[in-house]
Amino acid sequence: MIEIYLKGTIHKSTLDPILMGGIDRNLCFALWSIGLSIGFMMQLYWFLAIAFFVHMVIRSLTKEDKDFFVIIKDHIHSKRCFW
């Protein structure tokens, strides 16, 4: 539990990102939707191995910093005010 001064306590699970398979939930859905559609619909079964490898790479990056892809997403959506 995290204690906030004069406000009460907040459980740690409410502050952590939602992960599926060790990566961000939205990224997991996007990766495997594309991977399964290419792998099964186009019958390119070797692409499933590539999707699994990409999943493991993203998982290792997320294990070191859970906000890694959140920061990248915010950077993409931010205004470019220093150009």
C-alpha atoms as a PDB file:
ATOM      1  CA  MET A   1       0.000   0.000   0.000  1.00  0.00           C
ATOM      2  CA  ILE A   2       1.189   3.480  -0.830  1.00  0.00           C
ATOM      3  CA  GLU A   3       0.387   6.108   1.752  1.00  0.00           C
ATOM      4  CA  ILE A   4      -0.461   9.565   0.517  1.00  0.00           C
ATOM      5  CA  TYR A   5      -0.052  12.380   3.003  1.00  0.00           C
ATOM      6  CA  LEU A   6      -3.447  13.294   4.499  1.00  0.00           C
ATOM      7  CA  LYS A   7      -5.378  11.663   1.638  1.00  0.00           C
ATOM      8  CA  GLY A   8      -5.453   7.950   2.495  1.00  0.00           C
ATOM      9  CA  THR A   9      -3.922   4.937   0.816  1.00  0.00           C
ATOM     10  CA  ILE A  10      -3.898   3.712  -2.763  1.00  0.00           C
ATOM     11  CA  HIS A  11      -3.230   0.085  -3.608  1.00  0.00           C
ATOM     12  CA  LYS A  12      -0.207  -0.478  -5.844  1.00  0.00           C
ATOM     13  CA  SER A  13      -2.191  -2.461  -8.440  1.00  0.00           C
ATOM     14  CA  THR A  14      -4.253   0.617  -9.328  1.00  0.00           C
ATOM     15  CA  LEU A  15      -1.089   2.449 -10.393  1.00  0.00           C
ATOM     16  CA  ASP A  16       0.590  -0.320 -12.412  1.00  0.00           C
ATOM     17  CA  PRO A  17      -0.192  -0.754 -16.120  1.00  0.00           C
ATOM     18  CA  ILE A  18      -2.349  -3.705 -17.223  1.00  0.00           C
ATOM     19  CA  LEU A  19      -0.103  -6.376 -18.741  1.00  0.00           C
ATOM     20  CA  MET A  20      -0.972  -9.456 -20.820  1.00  0.00           C
ATOM     21  CA  GLY A  21       1.808 -11.944 -21.348  1.00  0.00           C
ATOM     22  CA  GLY A  22       4.251  -9.454 -19.881  1.00  0.00           C
ATOM     23  CA  ILE A  23       3.503  -6.602 -22.318  1.00  0.00           C
ATOM     24  CA  ASP A  24       0.962  -3.783 -22.457  1.00  0.00           C
ATOM     25  CA  ARG A  25      -2.563  -5.038 -23.129  1.00  0.00           C
ATOM     26  CA  ASN A  26      -3.277  -2.868 -26.186  1.00  0.00           C
ATOM     27  CA  LEU A  27       0.093  -3.675 -27.725  1.00  0.00           C
ATOM     28  CA  CYS A  28      -0.499  -7.389 -27.111  1.00  0.00           C
ATOM     29  CA  PHE A  29      -3.881  -7.292 -28.860  1.00  0.00           C
ATOM     30  CA  ALA A  30      -2.446  -5.393 -31.825  1.00  0.00           C
ATOM     31  CA  LEU A  31       0.610  -7.637 -32.182  1.00  0.00           C
ATOM     32  CA  TRP A  32      -1.255 -10.928 -31.998  1.00  0.00           C
ATOM     33  CA  SER A  33      -4.196  -9.763 -34.113  1.00  0.00           C
ATOM     34  CA  ILE A  34      -1.795  -8.925 -36.915  1.00  0.00           C
ATOM     35  CA  GLY A  35       0.351 -11.993 -36.274  1.00  0.00           C
ATOM     36  CA  LEU A  36      -2.536 -14.465 -36.244  1.00  0.00           C
ATOM     37  CA  SER A  37      -4.266 -12.916 -39.232  1.00  0.00           C
ATOM     38  CA  ILE A  38      -1.115 -13.093 -41.353  1.00  0.00           C
ATOM     39  CA  GLY A  39      -0.100 -16.481 -39.945  1.00  0.00           C
ATOM     40  CA  PHE A  40      -3.385 -18.313 -40.390  1.00  0.00           C
ATOM     41  CA  MET A  41      -5.338 -16.402 -43.021  1.00  0.00           C
ATOM     42  CA  MET A  42      -2.467 -16.086 -45.467  1.00  0.00           C
ATOM     43  CA  GLN A  43      -1.077 -19.492 -44.380  1.00  0.00           C
ATOM     44  CA  LEU A  44       2.350 -18.057 -43.635  1.00  0.00           C
ATOM     45  CA  TYR A  45       2.912 -20.114 -40.498  1.00  0.00           C
ATOM     46  CA  TRP A  46       6.524 -18.968 -40.126  1.00  0.00           C
ATOM     47  CA  PHE A  47       5.149 -15.500 -39.302  1.00  0.00           C
ATOM     48  CA  LEU A  48       3.815 -16.871 -35.980  1.00  0.00           C
ATOM     49  CA  ALA A  49       7.415 -17.525 -34.916  1.00  0.00           C
ATOM     50  CA  ILE A  50       8.312 -13.934 -35.820  1.00  0.00           C
ATOM     51  CA  ALA A  51       5.332 -12.625 -33.831  1.00  0.00           C
ATOM     52  CA  PHE A  52       6.420 -14.737 -30.853  1.00  0.00           C
ATOM     53  CA  PHE A  53       9.991 -13.433 -31.131  1.00  0.00           C
ATOM     54  CA  VAL A  54       8.742  -9.806 -31.279  1.00  0.00           C
ATOM     55  CA  HIS A  55       6.541 -10.518 -28.247  1.00  0.00           C
ATOM     56  CA  MET A  56       9.555 -11.799 -26.279  1.00  0.00           C
ATOM     57  CA  VAL A  57      11.649  -8.748 -27.238  1.00  0.00           C
ATOM     58  CA  ILE A  58       8.876  -6.391 -26.157  1.00  0.00           C
ATOM     59  CA  ARG A  59       8.463  -8.409 -22.961  1.00  0.00           C
ATOM     60  CA  SER A  60      12.140  -8.023 -22.078  1.00  0.00           C
ATOM     61  CA  LEU A  61      11.926  -4.262 -22.703  1.00  0.00           C
ATOM     62  CA  THR A  62       8.794  -4.019 -20.563  1.00  0.00           C
ATOM     63  CA  LYS A  63      10.380  -6.048 -17.760  1.00  0.00           C
ATOM     64  CA  GLU A  64      13.127  -3.444 -17.395  1.00  0.00           C
ATOM     65  CA  ASP A  65      10.798  -0.419 -17.606  1.00  0.00           C
ATOM     66  CA  LYS A  66       7.007  -0.825 -17.485  1.00  0.00           C
ATOM     67  CA  ASP A  67       6.438   2.667 -18.901  1.00  0.00           C
ATOM     68  CA  PHE A  68       8.718   2.176 -21.928  1.00  0.00           C
ATOM     69  CA  PHE A  69       5.962   1.970 -24.542  1.00  0.00           C
ATOM     70  CA  VAL A  70       3.775   4.511 -22.746  1.00  0.00           C
ATOM     71  CA  ILE A  71       6.569   7.050 -23.150  1.00  0.00           C
ATOM     72  CA  ILE A  72       7.022   6.141 -26.830  1.00  0.00           C
ATOM     73  CA  LYS A  73       3.264   6.500 -27.422  1.00  0.00           C
ATOM     74  CA  ASP A  74       3.221   9.885 -25.668  1.00  0.00           C
ATOM     75  CA  HIS A  75       6.214  11.007 -27.715  1.00  0.00           C
ATOM     76  CA  ILE A  76       4.453  10.094 -30.969  1.00  0.00           C
ATOM     77  CA  HIS A  77       1.276  11.947 -29.956  1.00  0.00           C
ATOM     78  CA  SER A  78       3.015  15.041 -28.570  1.00  0.00           C
ATOM     79  CA  LYS A  79       3.196  18.352 -30.390  1.00  0.00           C
ATOM     80  CA  ARG A  80       6.482  19.088 -32.045  1.00  0.00           C
ATOM     81  CA  CYS A  81       7.048  22.480 -30.502  1.00  0.00           C
ATOM     82  CA  PHE A  82      10.859  22.588 -30.889  1.00  0.00           C
ATOM     83  CA  TRP A  83      10.960  22.388 -34.706  1.00  0.00           C
END
